[in-house]
C-alpha atoms as a PDB file:
ATOM      1  CA  MET A   1      11.322 -26.932-112.139  1.00  0.00           C
ATOM      2  CA  LYS A   2      11.676 -23.688-113.237  1.00  0.00           C
ATOM      3  CA  LYS A   3       8.700 -21.994-112.007  1.00  0.00           C
ATOM      4  CA  PHE A   4      10.271 -23.930-108.697  1.00  0.00           C
ATOM      5  CA  LEU A   5      13.563 -21.849-109.151  1.00  0.00           C
ATOM      6  CA  LEU A   6      11.758 -18.849-109.821  1.00  0.00           C
ATOM      7  CA  GLY A   7       9.629 -18.804-106.606  1.00  0.00           C
ATOM      8  CA  THR A   8      12.636 -19.677-104.599  1.00  0.00           C
ATOM      9  CA  VAL A   9      14.370 -16.502-106.150  1.00  0.00           C
ATOM     10  CA  ALA A  10      11.612 -14.206-104.999  1.00  0.00           C
ATOM     11  CA  LEU A  11      11.345 -15.479-101.948  1.00  0.00           C
ATOM     12  CA  VAL A  12      14.953 -15.063-101.040  1.00  0.00           C
ATOM     13  CA  ALA A  13      14.959 -11.426-102.803  1.00  0.00           C
ATOM     14  CA  LEU A  14      11.711 -10.228-100.370  1.00  0.00           C
ATOM     15  CA  ALA A  15      13.094 -12.044 -96.774  1.00  0.00           C
ATOM     16  CA  ALA A  16      16.660  -9.939 -97.567  1.00  0.00           C
ATOM     17  CA  PRO A  17      15.466  -6.859 -96.759  1.00  0.00           C
ATOM     18  CA  ALA A  18      13.950  -7.945 -93.840  1.00  0.00           C
ATOM     19  CA  SER A  19      16.653 -10.027 -92.582  1.00  0.00           C
ATOM     20  CA  ALA A  20      19.055  -6.962 -93.130  1.00  0.00           C
ATOM     21  CA  ALA A  21      16.449  -4.598 -90.843  1.00  0.00           C
ATOM     22  CA  ASP A  22      16.346  -7.637 -88.188  1.00  0.00           C
ATOM     23  CA  LEU A  23      20.556  -6.727 -87.779  1.00  0.00           C
ATOM     24  CA  ALA A  24      21.436  -4.730 -84.989  1.00  0.00           C
ATOM     25  CA  ALA A  25      22.931  -1.442 -85.266  1.00  0.00           C
ATOM     26  CA  ARG A  26      26.320  -0.900 -84.700  1.00  0.00           C
ATOM     27  CA  PRO A  27      26.607   0.260 -80.741  1.00  0.00           C
ATOM     28  CA  TYR A  28      28.107   4.189 -80.296  1.00  0.00           C
ATOM     29  CA  THR A  29      31.698   4.097 -78.500  1.00  0.00           C
ATOM     30  CA  LYS A  30      32.598   7.423 -77.018  1.00  0.00           C
ATOM     31  CA  ALA A  31      35.882   8.433 -77.838  1.00  0.00           C
ATOM     32  CA  PRO A  32      38.374   8.348 -74.637  1.00  0.00           C
ATOM     33  CA  PRO A  33      39.254  11.951 -73.066  1.00  0.00           C
ATOM     34  CA  ALA A  34      41.871  13.782 -74.129  1.00  0.00           C
ATOM     35  CA  PRO A  35      45.115  13.155 -71.170  1.00  0.00           C
ATOM     36  CA  VAL A  36      46.137  15.703 -69.042  1.00  0.00           C
ATOM     37  CA  ALA A  37      49.003  16.917 -68.063  1.00  0.00           C
ATOM     38  CA  VAL A  38      49.900  18.291 -64.683  1.00  0.00           C
ATOM     39  CA  VAL A  39      52.145  21.520 -64.189  1.00  0.00           C
ATOM     40  CA  TYR A  40      53.226  22.011 -60.257  1.00  0.00           C
ATOM     41  CA  ASP A  41      53.122  25.687 -59.637  1.00  0.00           C
ATOM     42  CA  TRP A  42      56.051  26.997 -58.131  1.00  0.00           C
ATOM     43  CA  SER A  43      54.095  30.427 -57.052  1.00  0.00           C
ATOM     44  CA  GLY A  44      53.386  31.323 -53.328  1.00  0.00           C
ATOM     45  CA  PHE A  45      54.392  31.997 -49.984  1.00  0.00           C
ATOM     46  CA  TYR A  46      56.253  29.427 -48.233  1.00  0.00           C
ATOM     47  CA  ILE A  47      57.899  28.756 -44.905  1.00  0.00           C
ATOM     48  CA  GLY A  48      60.139  25.922 -43.602  1.00  0.00           C
ATOM     49  CA  GLY A  49      63.015  24.392 -41.924  1.00  0.00           C
ATOM     50  CA  ASN A  50      66.701  23.347 -42.839  1.00  0.00           C
ATOM     51  CA  GLY A  51      69.461  21.421 -41.134  1.00  0.00           C
ATOM     52  CA  GLY A  52      73.049  20.888 -42.610  1.00  0.00           C
ATOM     53  CA  TRP A  53      77.052  21.470 -41.452  1.00  0.00           C
ATOM     54  CA  GLY A  54      79.245  24.137 -42.253  1.00  0.00           C
ATOM     55  CA  THR A  55      82.709  25.594 -41.542  1.00  0.00           C
ATOM     56  CA  SER A  56      84.137  28.752 -41.436  1.00  0.00           C
ATOM     57  CA  ARG A  57      87.791  30.042 -42.778  1.00  0.00           C
ATOM     58  CA  THR A  58      89.793  31.850 -40.325  1.00  0.00           C
ATOM     59  CA  CYS A  59      92.977  33.597 -41.088  1.00  0.00           C
ATOM     60  CA  TRP A  60      94.705  35.792 -38.015  1.00  0.00           C
ATOM     61  CA  ASP A  61      97.031  38.412 -39.128  1.00  0.00           C
ATOM     62  CA  VAL A  62      98.714  40.626 -36.645  1.00  0.00           C
ATOM     63  CA  VAL A  63     100.366  43.694 -38.405  1.00  0.00           C
ATOM     64  CA  GLY A  64     101.305  41.940 -41.167  1.00  0.00           C
ATOM     65  CA  PHE A  65     102.638  39.019 -40.060  1.00  0.00           C
ATOM     66  CA  GLY A  66     100.255  35.229 -40.678  1.00  0.00           C
ATOM     67  CA  ASP A  67      99.078  33.963 -37.447  1.00  0.00           C
ATOM     68  CA  GLY A  68      97.368  31.085 -38.366  1.00  0.00           C
ATOM     69  CA  CYS A  69      94.799  29.926 -40.295  1.00  0.00           C
ATOM     70  CA  HIS A  70      91.860  27.293 -39.144  1.00  0.00           C
ATOM     71  CA  ASP A  71      88.515  26.084 -39.936  1.00  0.00           C
ATOM     72  CA  ALA A  72      85.345  26.399 -37.203  1.00  0.00           C
ATOM     73  CA  ASP A  73      83.230  23.034 -38.128  1.00  0.00           C
ATOM     74  CA  GLY A  74      79.826  22.601 -37.434  1.00  0.00           C
ATOM     75  CA  GLY A  75      76.298  22.244 -37.286  1.00  0.00           C
ATOM     76  CA  THR A  76      73.418  24.150 -38.599  1.00  0.00           C
ATOM     77  CA  ALA A  77      69.489  24.395 -37.866  1.00  0.00           C
ATOM     78  CA  GLY A  78      67.469  27.248 -38.965  1.00  0.00           C
ATOM     79  CA  GLY A  79      64.008  27.826 -40.843  1.00  0.00           C
ATOM     80  CA  GLN A  80      63.472  30.364 -44.056  1.00  0.00           C
ATOM     81  CA  ILE A  81      60.772  32.762 -45.092  1.00  0.00           C
ATOM     82  CA  GLY A  82      60.376  33.742 -48.702  1.00  0.00           C
ATOM     83  CA  TYR A  83      57.913  33.836 -51.856  1.00  0.00           C
ATOM     84  CA  ARG A  84      57.977  32.748 -55.376  1.00  0.00           C
ATOM     85  CA  TRP A  85      55.955  33.753 -58.481  1.00  0.00           C
ATOM     86  CA  GLN A  86      56.462  31.197 -61.961  1.00  0.00           C
ATOM     87  CA  THR A  87      56.403  32.626 -64.984  1.00  0.00           C
ATOM     88  CA  GLY A  88      56.445  29.907 -67.971  1.00  0.00           C
ATOM     89  CA  THR A  89      59.728  28.103 -66.137  1.00  0.00           C
ATOM     90  CA  TRP A  90      61.117  30.786 -64.777  1.00  0.00           C
ATOM     91  CA  VAL A  91      60.945  31.343 -61.059  1.00  0.00           C
ATOM     92  CA  PHE A  92      62.094  34.338 -58.858  1.00  0.00           C
ATOM     93  CA  GLY A  93      61.945  34.733 -55.463  1.00  0.00           C
ATOM     94  CA  VAL A  94      62.887  36.499 -52.355  1.00  0.00           C
ATOM     95  CA  GLU A  95      63.811  34.599 -49.150  1.00  0.00           C
ATOM     96  CA  GLY A  96      65.162  35.086 -45.274  1.00  0.00           C
ATOM     97  CA  GLN A  97      66.535  33.373 -43.436  1.00  0.00           C
ATOM     98  CA  GLY A  98      67.665  32.812 -39.603  1.00  0.00           C
ATOM     99  CA  ASN A  99      69.872  29.716 -38.373  1.00  0.00           C
ATOM    100  CA  TRP A 100      71.416  28.665 -35.287  1.00  0.00           C
ATOM    101  CA  ALA A 101      75.279  27.431 -35.873  1.00  0.00           C
ATOM    102  CA  ASP A 102      77.958  25.925 -34.057  1.00  0.00           C
ATOM    103  CA  PHE A 103      80.905  26.762 -36.391  1.00  0.00           C
ATOM    104  CA  LYS A 104      84.119  26.282 -33.959  1.00  0.00           C
ATOM    105  CA  GLY A 105      88.038  26.371 -34.162  1.00  0.00           C
ATOM    106  CA  SER A 106      91.172  27.658 -33.224  1.00  0.00           C
ATOM    107  CA  ASN A 107      94.818  27.032 -34.141  1.00  0.00           C
ATOM    108  CA  VAL A 108      97.874  27.740 -32.716  1.00  0.00           C
ATOM    109  CA  SER A 109      99.310  31.278 -33.033  1.00  0.00           C
ATOM    110  CA  LEU A 110     102.589  30.711 -35.168  1.00  0.00           C
ATOM    111  CA  LEU A 111     104.020  34.060 -34.012  1.00  0.00           C
ATOM    112  CA  THR A 112     104.221  33.088 -30.416  1.00  0.00           C
ATOM    113  CA  GLY A 113     104.002  28.821 -30.282  1.00  0.00           C
ATOM    114  CA  ILE A 114     102.044  29.094 -26.669  1.00  0.00           C
ATOM    115  CA  ASP A 115      98.813  31.288 -27.545  1.00  0.00           C
ATOM    116  CA  THR A 116      95.419  29.517 -29.378  1.00  0.00           C
ATOM    117  CA  ASN A 117      93.212  31.800 -31.580  1.00  0.00           C
ATOM    118  CA  GLU A 118      90.002  30.521 -31.494  1.00  0.00           C
ATOM    119  CA  SER A 119      86.239  31.592 -33.482  1.00  0.00           C
ATOM    120  CA  ARG A 120      83.421  30.760 -33.457  1.00  0.00           C
ATOM    121  CA  ILE A 121      79.830  31.506 -35.671  1.00  0.00           C
ATOM    122  CA  ASP A 122      76.915  30.763 -33.362  1.00  0.00           C
ATOM    123  CA  ALA A 123      74.141  32.392 -35.486  1.00  0.00           C
ATOM    124  CA  PHE A 124      73.367  33.683 -39.100  1.00  0.00           C
ATOM    125  CA  GLY A 125      70.990  35.187 -41.123  1.00  0.00           C
ATOM    126  CA  LEU A 126      70.947  35.641 -45.343  1.00  0.00           C
ATOM    127  CA  LEU A 127      68.604  37.817 -47.060  1.00  0.00           C
ATOM    128  CA  THR A 128      68.270  36.822 -50.260  1.00  0.00           C
ATOM    129  CA  GLY A 129      66.788  36.968 -53.958  1.00  0.00           C
ATOM    130  CA  GLN A 130      67.019  33.829 -56.429  1.00  0.00           C
ATOM    131  CA  ILE A 131      66.333  33.130 -60.119  1.00  0.00           C
ATOM    132  CA  GLY A 132      65.453  29.638 -61.112  1.00  0.00           C
ATOM    133  CA  TYR A 133      64.354  27.806 -63.606  1.00  0.00           C
ATOM    134  CA  ALA A 134      61.178  24.548 -63.307  1.00  0.00           C
ATOM    135  CA  ALA A 135      61.379  21.051 -65.115  1.00  0.00           C
ATOM    136  CA  ASN A 136      57.951  20.515 -63.580  1.00  0.00           C
ATOM    137  CA  ASN A 137      58.032  19.846 -59.763  1.00  0.00           C
ATOM    138  CA  VAL A 138      61.999  20.029 -60.082  1.00  0.00           C
ATOM    139  CA  LEU A 139      63.299  23.486 -59.359  1.00  0.00           C
ATOM    140  CA  PHE A 140      67.187  24.511 -60.112  1.00  0.00           C
ATOM    141  CA  TYR A 141      67.625  27.746 -59.272  1.00  0.00           C
ATOM    142  CA  VAL A 142      70.386  30.647 -57.913  1.00  0.00           C
ATOM    143  CA  LYS A 143      70.768  32.672 -55.427  1.00  0.00           C
ATOM    144  CA  GLY A 144      72.588  36.160 -53.767  1.00  0.00           C
ATOM    145  CA  GLY A 145      72.501  39.046 -51.464  1.00  0.00           C
ATOM    146  CA  ALA A 146      72.882  40.305 -47.587  1.00  0.00           C
ATOM    147  CA  ALA A 147      74.110  37.798 -45.131  1.00  0.00           C
ATOM    148  CA  VAL A 148      74.315  38.806 -41.620  1.00  0.00           C
ATOM    149  CA  THR A 149      76.716  36.556 -38.720  1.00  0.00           C
ATOM    150  CA  GLY A 150      77.284  36.222 -34.729  1.00  0.00           C
ATOM    151  CA  ASN A 151      80.435  36.039 -33.964  1.00  0.00           C
ATOM    152  CA  ARG A 152      83.218  35.427 -31.112  1.00  0.00           C
ATOM    153  CA  TYR A 153      87.174  35.354 -31.082  1.00  0.00           C
ATOM    154  CA  ARG A 154      89.155  34.680 -28.253  1.00  0.00           C
ATOM    155  CA  VAL A 155      93.110  34.088 -27.040  1.00  0.00           C
ATOM    156  CA  LEU A 156      93.796  30.841 -25.460  1.00  0.00           C
ATOM    157  CA  ASP A 157      96.754  29.179 -23.281  1.00  0.00           C
ATOM    158  CA  THR A 158      98.047  26.653 -25.251  1.00  0.00           C
ATOM    159  CA  ALA A 159      99.108  24.584 -22.315  1.00  0.00           C
ATOM    160  CA  THR A 160      96.061  24.948 -20.061  1.00  0.00           C
ATOM    161  CA  GLY A 161      92.868  25.862 -22.413  1.00  0.00           C
ATOM    162  CA  PHE A 162      92.439  29.015 -19.927  1.00  0.00           C
ATOM    163  CA  PRO A 163      91.165  31.970 -21.507  1.00  0.00           C
ATOM    164  CA  ILE A 164      94.305  34.938 -21.125  1.00  0.00           C
ATOM    165  CA  THR A 165      92.047  37.578 -23.349  1.00  0.00           C
ATOM    166  CA  ASN A 166      88.461  39.420 -23.092  1.00  0.00           C
ATOM    167  CA  ASP A 167      85.676  37.581 -25.012  1.00  0.00           C
ATOM    168  CA  VAL A 168      85.469  40.193 -28.282  1.00  0.00           C
ATOM    169  CA  ASN A 169      81.680  39.778 -29.668  1.00  0.00           C
ATOM    170  CA  ASP A 170      80.695  40.933 -32.960  1.00  0.00           C
ATOM    171  CA  THR A 171      78.102  41.338 -35.677  1.00  0.00           C
ATOM    172  CA  ARG A 172      79.632  40.854 -38.948  1.00  0.00           C
ATOM    173  CA  TRP A 173      78.107  41.693 -42.339  1.00  0.00           C
ATOM    174  CA  GLY A 174      78.776  40.334 -45.483  1.00  0.00           C
ATOM    175  CA  ALA A 175      77.417  38.997 -49.254  1.00  0.00           C
ATOM    176  CA  VAL A 176      76.219  35.243 -49.611  1.00  0.00           C
ATOM    177  CA  VAL A 177      75.641  33.521 -53.276  1.00  0.00           C
ATOM    178  CA  GLY A 178      74.277  30.052 -53.093  1.00  0.00           C
ATOM    179  CA  ALA A 179      72.760  27.309 -55.689  1.00  0.00           C
ATOM    180  CA  GLY A 180      70.139  24.691 -55.032  1.00  0.00           C
ATOM    181  CA  VAL A 181      67.940  21.938 -56.276  1.00  0.00           C
ATOM    182  CA  GLU A 182      64.238  21.246 -55.393  1.00  0.00           C
ATOM    183  CA  PHE A 183      61.809  18.983 -55.351  1.00  0.00           C
ATOM    184  CA  GLY A 184      58.232  19.297 -55.106  1.00  0.00           C
ATOM    185  CA  PHE A 185      56.996  15.911 -54.247  1.00  0.00           C
ATOM    186  CA  ALA A 186      53.295  16.933 -53.178  1.00  0.00           C
ATOM    187  CA  PRO A 187      50.816  19.860 -54.213  1.00  0.00           C
ATOM    188  CA  ASN A 188      52.340  22.055 -51.140  1.00  0.00           C
ATOM    189  CA  TRP A 189      55.490  19.951 -50.168  1.00  0.00           C
ATOM    190  CA  SER A 190      59.353  20.446 -51.406  1.00  0.00           C
ATOM    191  CA  VAL A 191      62.553  18.855 -50.427  1.00  0.00           C
ATOM    192  CA  GLY A 192      66.054  20.405 -51.385  1.00  0.00           C
ATOM    193  CA  VAL A 193      69.406  20.501 -50.876  1.00  0.00           C
ATOM    194  CA  GLU A 194      71.250  23.890 -51.051  1.00  0.00           C
ATOM    195  CA  TYR A 195      74.988  24.713 -51.027  1.00  0.00           C
ATOM    196  CA  ASP A 196      75.857  28.735 -49.853  1.00  0.00           C
ATOM    197  CA  HIS A 197      78.806  30.377 -49.087  1.00  0.00           C
ATOM    198  CA  ILE A 198      79.366  33.603 -46.998  1.00  0.00           C
ATOM    199  CA  PHE A 199      81.895  36.559 -47.564  1.00  0.00           C
ATOM    200  CA  LEU A 200      82.270  38.387 -44.596  1.00  0.00           C
ATOM    201  CA  GLY A 201      86.283  39.871 -45.607  1.00  0.00           C
ATOM    202  CA  ASP A 202      88.369  41.024 -42.707  1.00  0.00           C
ATOM    203  CA  ARG A 203      88.333  43.097 -39.739  1.00  0.00           C
ATOM    204  CA  SER A 204      90.843  44.326 -36.905  1.00  0.00           C
ATOM    205  CA  TYR A 205      89.948  43.826 -33.681  1.00  0.00           C
ATOM    206  CA  ASP A 206      91.740  44.496 -30.336  1.00  0.00           C
ATOM    207  CA  PHE A 207      92.196  41.578 -28.016  1.00  0.00           C
ATOM    208  CA  ILE A 208      92.309  42.719 -23.919  1.00  0.00           C
ATOM    209  CA  ASN A 209      94.376  41.169 -21.115  1.00  0.00           C
ATOM    210  CA  ASN A 210      91.828  39.821 -18.565  1.00  0.00           C
ATOM    211  CA  GLY A 211      94.819  39.562 -15.884  1.00  0.00           C
ATOM    212  CA  PHE A 212      95.828  36.052 -16.540  1.00  0.00           C
ATOM    213  CA  ALA A 213      99.000  36.884 -18.474  1.00  0.00           C
ATOM    214  CA  GLY A 214      99.519  40.032 -18.020  1.00  0.00           C
ATOM    215  CA  PRO A 215      97.822  43.666 -16.426  1.00  0.00           C
ATOM    216  CA  ALA A 216      93.836  43.042 -16.619  1.00  0.00           C
ATOM    217  CA  GLY A 217      92.293  45.689 -19.286  1.00  0.00           C
ATOM    218  CA  THR A 218      95.896  45.951 -21.376  1.00  0.00           C
ATOM    219  CA  LEU A 219      96.051  45.756 -24.856  1.00  0.00           C
ATOM    220  CA  PHE A 220      97.209  41.930 -25.301  1.00  0.00           C
ATOM    221  CA  THR A 221      97.652  42.536 -29.284  1.00  0.00           C
ATOM    222  CA  THR A 222      95.634  43.556 -32.253  1.00  0.00           C
ATOM    223  CA  GLU A 223      94.428  40.372 -34.698  1.00  0.00           C
ATOM    224  CA  ASN A 224      92.809  40.939 -38.679  1.00  0.00           C
ATOM    225  CA  VAL A 225      90.169  38.627 -38.853  1.00  0.00           C
ATOM    226  CA  SER A 226      89.477  37.757 -41.852  1.00  0.00           C
ATOM    227  CA  GLN A 227      86.632  34.834 -42.875  1.00  0.00           C
ATOM    228  CA  ASP A 228      84.296  33.163 -45.098  1.00  0.00           C
ATOM    229  CA  VAL A 229      81.517  30.374 -44.456  1.00  0.00           C
ATOM    230  CA  ASP A 230      80.800  27.500 -46.584  1.00  0.00           C
ATOM    231  CA  MET A 231      77.661  25.926 -45.997  1.00  0.00           C
ATOM    232  CA  VAL A 232      75.973  22.756 -46.930  1.00  0.00           C
ATOM    233  CA  THR A 233      72.076  21.928 -45.872  1.00  0.00           C
ATOM    234  CA  VAL A 234      68.240  20.066 -46.499  1.00  0.00           C
ATOM    235  CA  ARG A 235      65.859  22.054 -46.644  1.00  0.00           C
ATOM    236  CA  VAL A 236      61.702  20.890 -46.324  1.00  0.00           C
ATOM    237  CA  ASN A 237      59.761  24.080 -47.462  1.00  0.00           C
ATOM    238  CA  TYR A 238      55.503  23.944 -47.380  1.00  0.00           C
ATOM    239  CA  LYS A 239      53.539  26.345 -49.467  1.00  0.00           C
ATOM    240  CA  PHE A 240      50.349  28.601 -48.719  1.00  0.00           C
ATOM    241  CA  GLY A 241      47.490  29.553 -50.668  1.00  0.00           C
ATOM    242  CA  PHE A 242      46.717  29.262 -54.264  1.00  0.00           C
ATOM    243  CA  GLY A 243      50.281  28.748 -54.978  1.00  0.00           C
ATOM    244  CA  GLY A 244      50.200  25.279 -53.704  1.00  0.00           C
ATOM    245  CA  ALA A 245      48.040  23.938 -55.679  1.00  0.00           C
ATOM    246  CA  PRO A 246      48.936  22.333 -58.752  1.00  0.00           C
ATOM    247  CA  ILE A 247      48.283  23.616 -62.491  1.00  0.00           C
ATOM    248  CA  ILE A 248      46.128  21.127 -64.341  1.00  0.00           C
ATOM    249  CA  GLY A 249      46.461  21.745 -68.576  1.00  0.00           C
ATOM    250  CA  ARG A 250      44.529  19.366 -71.081  1.00  0.00           C
ATOM    251  CA  TYR A 251      46.609  18.700 -74.677  1.00  0.00           C
END
């Protein structure tokens, strides 16, 4: 029996290394790749379109006597072109914008009670600089610069609506400030909403009789017209070139 037990132990000892050698090696598993962060790049040239609504607050004054105010409301549509460059989370840019507009309104003269003062803005342009903060593909920005508007003023007979003076057409220059938010929904496309305020100051105009209420060619009145504009527009932009692709960074 002792010999049998010793023989069994010896066989087990000899078989153990062979069994361990027969075990399959542990398979090698590659570490998962590091996560990728996609950072939207706002740099590059862009072109786009816009549309929205605006109102022009217009007040008329005759030699220090208020002749009434009105809001000239209406729609607007146009386009913009510009360039932005991004450094870190800060974005800087320049932009030119041109729009058709139909901001029209009127008020009955407070001085006569029988005449109506009418104003209209039919176009405007903006040349601005921008500074913004980018939260990846969301851009918050402010802007400021120069503005120019195309204006028409006239005096109507309140009872009939017929013009009683010649039209006064003028191109007025002023300043603009604004703010907006823009969302990059594709590598080269973005959509946003913007608010702008245009300061036009005041200017005096001579209104000349057209023969309806007085001798044609004679002075009807001189009015000092003050004006400013508020607008809200929806914008869509397309970026060109290298600035259109997102920046890919590993971390």
